[in-house]
Amino acid sequence: MTQHSSPTKDQARDISKHLKTTVPSEQRARARALVTLIPLWTEELNDTSNAGRLKILSKLRRALRVERQHGARGHWSYDLARHKAMLDAYRREANFVRTQSPSCKLLSIYGIQNDG
């Protein structure tokens, strides 16, 4: 039976270097921003297909709805900066989906205007 131990500092540094060289910086920035806003699994973050992005849009819409309700009710946990960050992330994801597949029928369900 083998025991799994946590990586050493050198191994962790190697993994970090590997990720920095294999994952594009814009994808890392996207993942970092989304993880701070909504709970996502690693598989969901790595799924950059339209279906994956639509799933993230759905989660962002729900989170935005809750944040708007908190703001409207004067809830103590409401954070304007968080609300703006969620809205910015939603718009970024929506714009990407709209530009990648302008004929996608699901866009209207998510309230994304199709300019094309």
Protein backbone atom coordinates (compact mmCIF):
# COMPACT_ATOMS: atom_id res chain seq x y z
CA MET A 1 0.00 0.00 0.00
CA THR A 2 1.37 3.38 -0.97
CA GLN A 3 0.80 6.50 1.02
CA HIS A 4 0.02 9.76 -0.70
CA SER A 5 1.77 12.70 0.84
CA SER A 6 1.45 16.35 0.09
CA PRO A 7 3.90 17.68 -2.47
CA THR A 8 7.14 19.18 -1.30
CA LYS A 9 7.84 22.87 -1.87
CA ASP A 10 9.96 22.02 -4.92
CA GLN A 11 7.23 19.85 -6.40
CA ALA A 12 4.62 22.53 -5.78
CA ARG A 13 6.87 25.11 -7.45
CA ASP A 14 7.26 22.80 -10.47
CA ILE A 15 3.50 22.34 -10.72
CA SER A 16 2.98 26.08 -10.52
CA LYS A 17 5.55 26.67 -13.27
CA HIS A 18 3.90 23.99 -15.40
CA LEU A 19 0.50 25.64 -15.06
CA LYS A 20 1.91 29.06 -15.85
CA THR A 21 3.47 27.76 -19.05
CA THR A 22 0.61 25.51 -20.22
CA VAL A 23 -2.48 27.57 -19.36
CA PRO A 24 -2.87 30.89 -21.20
CA SER A 25 -2.79 33.94 -18.96
CA GLU A 26 -6.27 35.11 -20.02
CA GLN A 27 -7.73 31.72 -19.05
CA ARG A 28 -5.97 31.90 -15.67
CA ALA A 29 -7.34 35.40 -15.11
CA ARG A 30 -10.85 34.25 -16.09
CA ALA A 31 -10.66 31.29 -13.73
CA ARG A 32 -9.35 33.42 -10.87
CA ALA A 33 -12.14 35.97 -11.33
CA LEU A 34 -14.93 33.39 -11.61
CA VAL A 35 -13.80 31.36 -8.60
CA THR A 36 -13.97 34.41 -6.36
CA LEU A 37 -17.55 35.10 -7.46
CA ILE A 38 -19.32 31.74 -7.73
CA PRO A 39 -18.56 28.18 -6.62
CA LEU A 40 -17.27 26.19 -9.58
CA TRP A 41 -15.66 22.80 -10.04
CA THR A 42 -12.34 22.59 -11.85
CA GLU A 43 -14.02 20.79 -14.75
CA GLU A 44 -16.48 23.66 -15.14
CA LEU A 45 -13.66 26.20 -15.20
CA ASN A 46 -11.71 24.24 -17.78
CA ASP A 47 -14.73 23.76 -20.05
CA THR A 48 -14.42 26.63 -22.50
CA SER A 49 -17.01 25.26 -24.93
CA ASN A 50 -20.21 27.20 -25.52
CA ALA A 51 -22.16 24.70 -23.42
CA GLY A 52 -19.72 25.14 -20.54
CA ARG A 53 -19.88 28.90 -20.79
CA LEU A 54 -23.69 28.80 -20.89
CA LYS A 55 -23.63 26.76 -17.67
CA ILE A 56 -21.40 29.38 -16.06
CA LEU A 57 -23.73 32.12 -17.35
CA SER A 58 -26.61 30.34 -15.66
CA LYS A 59 -24.75 30.25 -12.35
CA LEU A 60 -23.78 33.91 -12.70
CA ARG A 61 -27.41 34.88 -13.40
CA ARG A 62 -28.55 33.13 -10.23
CA ALA A 63 -25.79 34.78 -8.19
CA LEU A 64 -26.65 38.19 -9.67
CA ARG A 65 -30.31 37.69 -8.80
CA VAL A 66 -29.43 36.96 -5.17
CA GLU A 67 -27.01 39.90 -5.03
CA ARG A 68 -29.67 42.27 -6.44
CA GLN A 69 -32.16 41.04 -3.85
CA HIS A 70 -29.63 41.64 -1.08
CA GLY A 71 -29.04 45.17 -2.35
CA ALA A 72 -32.74 45.97 -2.69
CA ARG A 73 -33.46 44.73 0.84
CA GLY A 74 -30.48 46.49 2.38
CA HIS A 75 -29.00 43.20 3.52
CA TRP A 76 -25.81 43.53 5.56
CA SER A 77 -23.88 41.17 3.24
CA TYR A 78 -24.54 43.20 0.07
CA ASP A 79 -21.32 44.33 -1.59
CA LEU A 80 -21.47 46.77 -4.49
CA ALA A 81 -17.97 45.85 -5.69
CA ARG A 82 -18.92 42.15 -5.75
CA HIS A 83 -22.13 42.97 -7.61
CA LYS A 84 -20.18 44.95 -10.23
CA ALA A 85 -17.58 42.17 -10.57
CA MET A 86 -20.37 39.62 -11.14
CA LEU A 87 -21.99 41.82 -13.74
CA ASP A 88 -18.66 42.35 -15.52
CA ALA A 89 -17.96 38.60 -15.52
CA TYR A 90 -21.46 37.90 -16.84
CA ARG A 91 -21.03 40.41 -19.66
CA ARG A 92 -17.59 39.00 -20.58
CA GLU A 93 -18.92 35.44 -20.78
CA ALA A 94 -22.03 36.53 -22.68
CA ASN A 95 -20.00 38.52 -25.20
CA PHE A 96 -17.70 35.57 -25.79
CA VAL A 97 -20.62 33.21 -26.40
CA ARG A 98 -22.34 35.73 -28.67
CA THR A 99 -19.23 36.28 -30.79
CA GLN A 100 -18.37 32.57 -31.01
CA SER A 101 -21.83 31.36 -32.01
CA PRO A 102 -24.13 34.16 -33.14
CA SER A 103 -26.78 31.68 -34.34
CA CYS A 104 -27.07 29.88 -30.98
CA LYS A 105 -30.76 29.56 -30.05
CA LEU A 106 -29.96 29.46 -26.32
CA LEU A 107 -28.72 33.05 -26.33
CA SER A 108 -32.25 34.47 -26.08
CA ILE A 109 -32.97 32.22 -23.08
CA TYR A 110 -30.07 33.82 -21.25
CA GLY A 111 -31.14 37.32 -22.26
CA ILE A 112 -28.12 37.89 -24.49
CA GLN A 113 -28.81 40.21 -27.38
CA ASN A 114 -27.79 38.83 -30.74
CA ASP A 115 -26.43 41.65 -32.88
CA GLY A 116 -25.73 39.46 -35.88
